């Protein structure tokens, strides 16, 4: 049977290539290859859980003695860890004090000077007696020529196993959709899950944030405001590698969801974008959900949107572009309901090629909120956003809120998957034509 399968693989690949030849341009592989690569990164992170757990133990040992825990480096990831559900409530974006624990996230650098600026900041933190734990792509740091310098300037370096650094105007093999933007978010949240578990083994239960969609009246948030630990109901000790593994498994489920049940919708969305971009007067708009949704974008989005036209206004200025007959719209959010929470939904719905709403499915009654011809990509996140419930061997709930937000990972993943698939279908004439990849840092201008 195995020999038969191996014999059929080349035939299947040939048939696939013939089938797709009408829609794909010569160039990079598409979204499914990108999703496979992200899955491989997640499995590498799971193999690294012993190291991740040990670094979390070192941080917890200092934290329970009174040190602070601060996130620095990549601004979008810092913001996401400081606001999204399932994170440490004591994260408030404060600056590091001498002796603190610093989780320092280095995203894909925009330029060589930025890479070297990280090493200077890391050195100052070390000199101040901080425990410095760096999350970065070893391959990216090596390509930027700063791996040795970063290694000397930190106590622990955790590798995302992703690439995505722009060098000499060329990208690596995944140049049309960097994996670092989602991998750094995955690693940072897996680390935080392990940090919670490490604290429980030191007889401390840190206060973790609960989703506003669950704690709708803010009663839990008010009850634990300004508290570092739970004292009345401590959580029993959690073994290492358990919570981090659950979290990474949940992320793999999100990837499988996009590659499986959601792929047909992504495929149709990209078709509409391609049609709009090939039309003499067409444009493909992208809109990021307003308000709280901005904090659900873990690595944020690109600052230059490639062939996409950003919709970042309310339509009051007649000079701002509005979707028209030949246009399409991609609307990225989390818990915003189409036609209800976007403010300018009717302006978005002026696109003749329709709107694709990429939001979390558990918030959406499709028959009520979607209009005829509109598409919907389900992010596949839990209702609470955070994915890891802390349970004992008897499945008894040991903590009242789940850990590890998934929305930042999922929203970025949808965006970069669409970019990868779009790059495979459009001829890339120059870097300025490359979808969403003009800067290579995976960051957006401020979201409004």
Protein backbone atom coordinates (compact mmCIF):
# COMPACT_ATOMS: atom_id res chain seq x y z
CA UNK A 1 0.00 0.00 0.00
CA UNK A 2 2.82 2.39 0.90
CA UNK A 3 4.56 1.69 -2.44
CA UNK A 4 1.31 2.39 -4.27
CA UNK A 5 0.91 5.72 -2.49
CA UNK A 6 4.46 6.72 -3.36
CA UNK A 7 3.90 5.81 -6.97
CA UNK A 8 0.74 7.92 -7.14
CA UNK A 9 2.30 11.04 -5.63
CA UNK A 10 4.11 12.21 -8.83
CA UNK A 11 0.96 11.61 -10.87
CA UNK A 12 -1.12 13.65 -8.41
CA UNK A 13 1.39 16.49 -8.49
CA UNK A 14 1.32 16.58 -12.30
CA UNK A 15 -2.49 16.66 -12.35
CA UNK A 16 -2.49 19.43 -9.72
CA UNK A 17 -0.01 21.48 -11.74
CA UNK A 18 -2.08 21.13 -14.92
CA UNK A 19 -5.27 22.06 -13.09
CA UNK A 20 -3.75 25.17 -11.52
CA UNK A 21 -1.81 26.37 -14.56
CA UNK A 22 -4.66 28.60 -15.64
CA UNK A 23 -4.71 30.53 -12.35
CA UNK A 24 -1.14 30.53 -11.06
CA UNK A 25 1.69 32.64 -12.38
CA UNK A 26 5.29 31.49 -12.46
CA UNK A 27 6.60 32.31 -9.02
CA UNK A 28 6.22 31.35 -5.39
CA UNK A 29 4.09 28.60 -3.95
CA UNK A 30 0.79 29.63 -2.50
CA UNK A 31 -1.15 29.76 0.72
CA UNK A 32 -1.28 26.04 1.43
CA UNK A 33 2.51 25.79 1.27
CA UNK A 34 2.70 28.75 3.63
CA UNK A 35 0.33 27.05 6.08
CA UNK A 36 2.39 23.86 5.91
CA UNK A 37 5.50 25.88 6.75
CA UNK A 38 3.79 27.50 9.74
CA UNK A 39 2.76 24.05 10.97
CA UNK A 40 6.37 22.92 10.73
CA UNK A 41 7.42 25.96 12.80
CA UNK A 42 4.83 25.10 15.46
CA UNK A 43 6.11 21.52 15.67
CA UNK A 44 9.64 22.84 16.09
CA UNK A 45 8.42 25.04 18.94
CA UNK A 46 6.79 22.02 20.55
CA UNK A 47 10.11 20.16 20.36
CA UNK A 48 11.68 23.18 22.09
CA UNK A 49 9.22 23.11 25.01
CA UNK A 50 11.82 21.75 27.49
CA UNK A 51 13.98 24.83 26.86
CA UNK A 52 10.95 27.14 26.87
CA UNK A 53 9.82 25.67 30.21
CA UNK A 54 13.30 26.07 31.75
CA UNK A 55 13.46 29.71 30.70
CA UNK A 56 9.99 30.27 32.18
CA UNK A 57 11.14 28.67 35.44
CA UNK A 58 14.10 31.05 35.62
CA UNK A 59 11.75 33.99 35.07
CA UNK A 60 9.22 32.73 37.63
CA UNK A 61 11.91 32.27 40.28
CA UNK A 62 12.81 35.94 39.99
CA UNK A 63 9.20 37.08 39.60
CA UNK A 64 8.00 35.48 42.85
CA UNK A 65 10.82 37.29 44.67
CA UNK A 66 9.29 40.59 43.61
CA UNK A 67 10.81 41.37 40.22
CA UNK A 68 8.65 42.77 37.46
CA UNK A 69 7.96 41.06 34.14
CA UNK A 70 8.16 43.37 31.13
CA UNK A 71 7.80 42.84 27.37
CA UNK A 72 10.00 44.93 25.09
CA UNK A 73 11.14 44.93 21.48
CA UNK A 74 8.48 44.33 18.84
CA UNK A 75 5.78 46.88 19.65
CA UNK A 76 2.81 44.99 18.21
CA UNK A 77 3.64 41.78 20.06
CA UNK A 78 4.24 43.74 23.27
CA UNK A 79 0.84 45.39 22.92
CA UNK A 80 -0.88 42.09 22.20
CA UNK A 81 0.65 40.39 25.24
CA UNK A 82 -0.27 43.37 27.40
CA UNK A 83 -3.95 43.54 26.41
CA UNK A 84 -5.30 40.29 24.95
CA UNK A 85 -7.14 37.73 27.12
CA UNK A 86 -5.23 34.89 28.71
CA UNK A 87 -2.17 36.99 29.50
CA UNK A 88 -0.53 38.10 32.69
CA UNK A 89 -2.61 40.87 34.26
CA UNK A 90 0.49 42.61 35.59
CA UNK A 91 1.64 43.40 32.04
CA UNK A 92 0.89 47.10 31.63
CA UNK A 93 3.56 48.22 29.20
CA UNK A 94 5.77 49.60 31.93
CA UNK A 95 9.49 50.14 31.40
CA UNK A 96 11.93 47.66 32.88
CA UNK A 97 13.44 48.39 36.26
CA UNK A 98 16.85 47.07 37.35
CA UNK A 99 16.58 43.37 38.16
CA UNK A 100 13.32 42.79 36.25
CA UNK A 101 12.59 39.92 33.90
CA UNK A 102 12.45 41.18 30.30
CA UNK A 103 10.86 39.17 27.50
CA UNK A 104 12.40 40.85 24.47
CA UNK A 105 10.78 40.08 21.09
CA UNK A 106 12.78 40.80 17.93
CA UNK A 107 10.63 40.74 14.81
CA UNK A 108 11.91 40.71 11.22
CA UNK A 109 14.13 43.82 11.07
CA UNK A 110 13.26 46.61 8.67
CA UNK A 111 16.87 47.58 8.11
CA UNK A 112 20.34 46.81 9.44
CA UNK A 113 20.36 49.80 11.80
CA UNK A 114 17.28 48.46 13.59
CA UNK A 115 18.95 45.10 14.12
CA UNK A 116 21.95 46.74 15.76
CA UNK A 117 19.74 49.00 17.90
CA UNK A 118 18.33 45.89 19.60
CA UNK A 119 21.79 44.80 20.73
CA UNK A 120 22.39 48.18 22.36
CA UNK A 121 19.13 48.02 24.33
CA UNK A 122 19.78 44.40 25.32
CA UNK A 123 23.22 45.31 26.62
CA UNK A 124 21.80 48.09 28.78
CA UNK A 125 19.20 45.74 30.24
CA UNK A 126 21.87 43.18 31.10
CA UNK A 127 24.00 45.88 32.71
CA UNK A 128 20.98 46.82 34.87
CA UNK A 129 20.85 43.28 36.24
CA UNK A 130 17.76 42.21 34.28
CA UNK A 131 17.11 38.62 33.25
CA UNK A 132 16.84 39.04 29.47
CA UNK A 133 14.99 36.39 27.45
CA UNK A 134 14.99 37.03 23.71
CA UNK A 135 12.43 35.66 21.22
CA UNK A 136 13.77 35.90 17.68
CA UNK A 137 14.52 33.98 14.49
CA UNK A 138 18.05 32.63 14.66
CA UNK A 139 18.13 32.50 10.86
CA UNK A 140 16.93 36.10 10.69
CA UNK A 141 19.51 37.32 13.19
CA UNK A 142 22.23 35.46 11.29
CA UNK A 143 21.17 36.98 7.98
CA UNK A 144 21.19 40.42 9.59
CA UNK A 145 24.70 39.79 10.96
CA UNK A 146 23.73 40.30 14.62
CA UNK A 147 23.26 36.74 15.94
CA UNK A 148 26.53 36.68 17.92
CA UNK A 149 25.94 40.18 19.30
CA UNK A 150 22.40 39.35 20.43
CA UNK A 151 23.61 36.08 21.96
CA UNK A 152 26.19 37.92 24.03
CA UNK A 153 23.64 40.52 25.16
CA UNK A 154 20.94 38.20 26.54
CA UNK A 155 20.65 35.39 29.05
CA UNK A 156 18.39 33.10 27.00
CA UNK A 157 17.62 33.06 23.26
CA UNK A 158 14.48 31.26 22.11
CA UNK A 159 14.36 30.55 18.38
CA UNK A 160 11.11 30.92 16.42
CA UNK A 161 12.55 28.74 13.61
CA UNK A 162 11.09 31.18 11.07
CA UNK A 163 12.64 33.32 8.37
CA UNK A 164 11.54 36.57 6.78
CA UNK A 165 14.45 38.98 6.65
CA UNK A 166 14.89 41.24 3.64
CA UNK A 167 18.47 41.15 2.40
CA UNK A 168 19.80 42.97 -0.66
CA UNK A 169 16.30 43.41 -2.03
CA UNK A 170 15.58 39.66 -1.98
CA UNK A 171 13.60 37.44 0.37
CA UNK A 172 14.22 33.91 1.53
CA UNK A 173 12.17 31.03 0.12
CA UNK A 174 9.04 32.32 1.93
CA UNK A 175 9.64 35.90 0.83
CA UNK A 176 6.03 36.62 -0.08
CA UNK A 177 4.68 35.83 3.39
CA UNK A 178 7.05 35.92 6.38
CA UNK A 179 6.45 33.25 8.99
CA UNK A 180 8.23 35.22 11.71
CA UNK A 181 5.21 37.48 12.21
CA UNK A 182 3.05 34.57 13.39
CA UNK A 183 5.83 32.43 14.90
CA UNK A 184 6.93 35.10 17.37
CA UNK A 185 3.36 35.48 18.62
CA UNK A 186 3.01 31.70 19.01
CA UNK A 187 6.26 31.39 20.95
CA UNK A 188 5.55 34.38 23.20
CA UNK A 189 2.15 33.01 24.27
CA UNK A 190 3.45 29.45 24.70
CA UNK A 191 6.18 30.88 26.94
CA UNK A 192 3.61 32.76 28.98
CA UNK A 193 1.58 29.57 29.49
CA UNK A 194 4.73 27.88 30.78
CA UNK A 195 5.45 30.88 32.99
CA UNK A 196 2.05 30.50 34.67
CA UNK A 197 2.74 26.81 35.28
CA UNK A 198 6.21 27.56 36.67
CA UNK A 199 4.71 30.02 39.16
CA UNK A 200 2.24 27.39 40.39
CA UNK A 201 5.17 25.08 41.12
CA UNK A 202 6.52 27.87 43.35
CA UNK A 203 3.17 28.06 45.21
CA UNK A 204 2.05 31.22 43.45
CA UNK A 205 -0.92 31.69 41.11
CA UNK A 206 -0.51 34.85 39.01
CA UNK A 207 -3.63 36.75 38.01
CA UNK A 208 -4.38 36.29 34.31
CA UNK A 209 -6.74 38.39 32.18
CA UNK A 210 -10.17 37.17 31.14
CA UNK A 211 -11.86 38.11 27.85
CA UNK A 212 -14.19 41.10 27.89
CA UNK A 213 -16.64 38.92 25.96
CA UNK A 214 -16.81 36.62 29.00
CA UNK A 215 -16.35 39.11 31.84
CA UNK A 216 -18.89 41.45 30.26
CA UNK A 217 -19.58 43.45 33.44
CA UNK A 218 -15.91 43.70 34.33
CA UNK A 219 -16.55 42.18 37.75
CA UNK A 220 -13.62 39.77 37.68
CA UNK A 221 -11.30 42.45 36.34
CA UNK A 222 -12.37 44.76 39.16
CA UNK A 223 -12.03 42.07 41.80
CA UNK A 224 -8.42 41.32 40.85
CA UNK A 225 -7.35 44.81 39.85
CA UNK A 226 -3.79 45.59 40.94
CA UNK A 227 -3.36 42.11 42.44
CA UNK A 228 -0.27 40.14 41.49
CA UNK A 229 -1.48 36.74 42.72
CA UNK A 230 -4.63 34.83 43.65
CA UNK A 231 -4.52 34.10 47.37
CA UNK A 232 -8.00 32.76 48.13
CA UNK A 233 -8.03 30.03 45.44
CA UNK A 234 -4.47 29.06 44.49
CA UNK A 235 -3.94 26.73 41.55
CA UNK A 236 -2.22 23.39 42.29
CA UNK A 237 1.24 22.87 40.76
CA UNK A 238 1.15 22.31 36.99
CA UNK A 239 3.93 20.18 35.46
CA UNK A 240 6.22 21.76 32.84
CA UNK A 241 5.47 21.52 29.11
CA UNK A 242 1.77 20.70 29.64
CA UNK A 243 0.16 24.10 29.06
CA UNK A 244 2.58 25.14 26.31
CA UNK A 245 1.87 21.92 24.44
CA UNK A 246 -1.89 22.47 24.71
CA UNK A 247 -1.50 25.98 23.38
CA UNK A 248 0.61 25.00 20.37
CA UNK A 249 -1.83 22.19 19.62
CA UNK A 250 -4.65 24.74 19.59
CA UNK A 251 -2.70 26.86 17.09
CA UNK A 252 -2.16 23.86 14.83
CA UNK A 253 -5.93 23.41 14.91
CA UNK A 254 -6.35 26.99 13.65
CA UNK A 255 -3.91 26.29 10.80
CA UNK A 256 -5.76 23.07 9.94
CA UNK A 257 -9.05 24.98 9.96
CA UNK A 258 -7.79 27.44 7.33
CA UNK A 259 -6.20 24.73 5.19
CA UNK A 260 -9.31 22.55 5.45
CA UNK A 261 -12.85 23.82 5.89
CA UNK A 262 -11.97 27.48 5.20
CA UNK A 263 -9.76 27.00 2.16
CA UNK A 264 -12.59 27.17 -0.36
CA UNK A 265 -13.58 30.61 0.97
CA UNK A 266 -9.96 31.82 0.99
CA UNK A 267 -9.64 30.59 -2.60
CA UNK A 268 -12.72 32.55 -3.67
CA UNK A 269 -11.52 35.62 -1.77
CA UNK A 270 -8.20 35.58 -3.60
CA UNK A 271 -10.04 35.10 -6.92
CA UNK A 272 -11.99 38.27 -6.23
CA UNK A 273 -8.84 40.16 -5.26
CA UNK A 274 -7.08 39.02 -8.43
CA UNK A 275 -10.09 40.06 -10.53
CA UNK A 276 -10.12 43.50 -8.93
CA UNK A 277 -6.37 44.00 -9.33
CA UNK A 278 -6.42 42.94 -12.97
CA UNK A 279 -9.32 45.24 -13.78
CA UNK A 280 -8.18 48.59 -15.28
CA UNK A 281 -10.13 50.50 -12.63
CA UNK A 282 -10.39 47.90 -9.89
CA UNK A 283 -8.84 47.85 -6.43
CA UNK A 284 -8.68 45.31 -3.63
CA UNK A 285 -9.33 47.06 -0.32
CA UNK A 286 -8.32 45.79 3.10
CA UNK A 287 -9.94 47.00 6.32
CA UNK A 288 -8.81 46.12 9.85
CA UNK A 289 -11.63 46.08 12.38
CA UNK A 290 -11.93 49.14 14.59
CA UNK A 291 -11.34 49.53 18.29
CA UNK A 292 -10.43 46.50 20.35
CA UNK A 293 -9.74 44.44 17.25
CA UNK A 294 -6.45 46.25 16.78
CA UNK A 295 -5.14 44.50 19.87
CA UNK A 296 -6.04 41.12 18.42
CA UNK A 297 -3.48 41.51 15.65
CA UNK A 298 -0.41 39.96 17.20
CA UNK A 299 2.24 40.98 14.69
CA UNK A 300 -0.04 43.64 13.21
CA UNK A 301 -0.25 44.08 9.45
CA UNK A 302 2.06 45.54 6.89
CA UNK A 303 2.51 49.30 6.77
CA UNK A 304 2.55 49.27 2.98
CA UNK A 305 -0.21 47.05 1.72
CA UNK A 306 1.31 46.08 -1.63
CA UNK A 307 -1.45 45.94 -4.24
CA UNK A 308 -4.11 46.26 -1.52
CA UNK A 309 -5.66 49.67 -0.89
CA UNK A 310 -6.08 50.33 2.86
CA UNK A 311 -9.54 51.46 3.93
CA UNK A 312 -8.69 53.46 7.06
CA UNK A 313 -11.20 56.29 7.03
CA UNK A 314 -14.90 56.96 7.58
CA UNK A 315 -15.70 58.23 4.08
CA UNK A 316 -16.23 61.85 5.15
CA UNK A 317 -13.34 63.13 3.03
CA UNK A 318 -14.32 63.09 -0.67
CA UNK A 319 -10.66 62.58 -1.60
CA UNK A 320 -10.47 59.24 0.24
CA UNK A 321 -10.98 56.19 -2.01
CA UNK A 322 -14.24 54.29 -1.64
CA UNK A 323 -15.03 50.76 -2.89
CA UNK A 324 -16.82 50.75 -6.23
CA UNK A 325 -18.19 48.46 -8.91
CA UNK A 326 -14.87 46.82 -9.89
CA UNK A 327 -13.50 46.53 -6.33
CA UNK A 328 -13.26 43.87 -3.65
CA UNK A 329 -12.87 44.20 0.13
CA UNK A 330 -11.13 42.04 2.72
CA UNK A 331 -12.29 42.95 6.26
CA UNK A 332 -10.11 41.55 9.05
CA UNK A 333 -11.45 41.57 12.59
CA UNK A 334 -12.10 39.29 15.54
CA UNK A 335 -15.44 39.81 17.29
CA UNK A 336 -16.90 42.59 15.11
CA UNK A 337 -20.21 41.68 13.49
CA UNK A 338 -20.59 42.63 9.80
CA UNK A 339 -22.94 45.57 9.41
CA UNK A 340 -23.01 46.25 13.16
CA UNK A 341 -19.60 46.98 14.69
CA UNK A 342 -17.61 48.36 11.76
CA UNK A 343 -19.20 51.78 11.49
CA UNK A 344 -18.60 52.07 7.76
CA UNK A 345 -20.04 48.68 6.76
CA UNK A 346 -22.27 50.12 4.04
CA UNK A 347 -19.29 51.89 2.49
CA UNK A 348 -17.39 48.60 2.45
CA UNK A 349 -20.38 46.90 0.91
CA UNK A 350 -20.17 49.28 -2.05
CA UNK A 351 -17.58 46.92 -3.54
CA UNK A 352 -19.06 45.31 -6.63
CA UNK A 353 -16.99 42.16 -6.16
CA UNK A 354 -18.19 41.80 -2.59
CA UNK A 355 -16.76 41.74 0.92
CA UNK A 356 -14.98 38.89 2.64
CA UNK A 357 -15.35 39.15 6.43
CA UNK A 358 -12.55 37.36 8.31
CA UNK A 359 -13.83 37.18 11.89
CA UNK A 360 -14.35 34.59 14.59
CA UNK A 361 -17.26 32.35 13.66
CA UNK A 362 -18.69 31.93 17.16
CA UNK A 363 -19.71 35.61 17.10
CA UNK A 364 -21.52 35.37 13.78
CA UNK A 365 -25.03 34.31 12.89
CA UNK A 366 -24.29 34.10 9.18
CA UNK A 367 -27.85 34.16 7.93
CA UNK A 368 -28.57 37.37 9.80
CA UNK A 369 -25.37 39.36 9.34
CA UNK A 370 -24.11 38.39 5.89
CA UNK A 371 -25.62 39.81 2.73
CA UNK A 372 -25.98 37.99 -0.55
CA UNK A 373 -22.65 37.37 -2.25
CA UNK A 374 -20.54 38.09 0.84
CA UNK A 375 -17.88 35.66 2.00
CA UNK A 376 -16.89 34.68 5.51
CA UNK A 377 -13.59 33.21 6.73
CA UNK A 378 -13.86 31.75 10.23
CA UNK A 379 -10.67 32.42 12.20
CA UNK A 380 -11.38 29.33 14.26
CA UNK A 381 -10.52 30.87 17.65
CA UNK A 382 -12.31 29.98 20.90
CA UNK A 383 -15.05 32.31 22.09
CA UNK A 384 -12.83 33.44 24.95
CA UNK A 385 -9.92 34.02 22.52
CA UNK A 386 -7.59 32.24 24.99
CA UNK A 387 -7.35 28.52 24.28
CA UNK A 388 -5.86 26.70 27.29
CA UNK A 389 -8.08 25.81 30.22
CA UNK A 390 -6.08 24.66 33.23
CA UNK A 391 -7.42 21.26 34.30
CA UNK A 392 -6.30 18.46 36.58
CA UNK A 393 -5.97 14.76 35.79
CA UNK A 394 -9.66 14.29 36.60
CA UNK A 395 -10.53 17.08 34.13
CA UNK A 396 -11.48 19.32 37.03
CA UNK A 397 -11.10 23.01 36.28
CA UNK A 398 -8.19 24.43 38.30
CA UNK A 399 -8.31 28.07 37.17
CA UNK A 400 -11.25 30.30 36.24
CA UNK A 401 -9.87 31.76 32.99
CA UNK A 402 -8.19 30.19 29.96
CA UNK A 403 -4.62 31.09 29.03
CA UNK A 404 -2.96 31.95 25.74
CA UNK A 405 -4.70 34.29 23.27
CA UNK A 406 -5.08 32.93 19.74
CA UNK A 407 -6.55 35.92 17.89
CA UNK A 408 -3.23 37.64 17.13
CA UNK A 409 -1.91 34.45 15.60
CA UNK A 410 -5.09 33.71 13.62
CA UNK A 411 -5.63 37.22 12.22
CA UNK A 412 -2.03 37.49 11.05
CA UNK A 413 -2.22 33.96 9.64
CA UNK A 414 -5.24 34.75 7.47
CA UNK A 415 -3.59 37.90 6.14
CA UNK A 416 -0.28 36.26 5.25
CA UNK A 417 -1.98 33.17 3.80
CA UNK A 418 -3.98 35.38 1.45
CA UNK A 419 -0.80 37.28 0.56
CA UNK A 420 1.02 34.04 -0.23
CA UNK A 421 -1.80 32.74 -2.38
CA UNK A 422 -2.16 36.08 -4.12
CA UNK A 423 1.55 36.15 -4.93
CA UNK A 424 1.21 32.73 -6.53
CA UNK A 425 -1.54 33.91 -8.87
CA UNK A 426 -0.31 37.34 -9.89
CA UNK A 427 2.82 37.97 -11.95
CA UNK A 428 5.39 39.68 -9.73
CA UNK A 429 7.17 42.27 -11.85
CA UNK A 430 9.01 44.09 -9.08
CA UNK A 431 9.15 44.32 -5.33
CA UNK A 432 6.62 47.12 -5.42
CA UNK A 433 4.16 44.61 -6.89
CA UNK A 434 4.75 42.02 -4.18
CA UNK A 435 1.57 41.63 -2.10
CA UNK A 436 2.00 43.03 1.37
CA UNK A 437 5.77 42.64 1.38
CA UNK A 438 7.25 46.04 0.78
CA UNK A 439 9.00 46.44 4.11
CA UNK A 440 9.51 42.99 5.50
CA UNK A 441 8.81 43.82 9.12
CA UNK A 442 5.23 42.60 9.38
CA UNK A 443 4.05 45.84 10.99
CA UNK A 444 1.35 48.30 10.15
CA UNK A 445 0.86 51.97 10.48
CA UNK A 446 -1.23 52.74 13.60
CA UNK A 447 -4.61 51.04 13.39
CA UNK A 448 -7.56 53.37 13.80
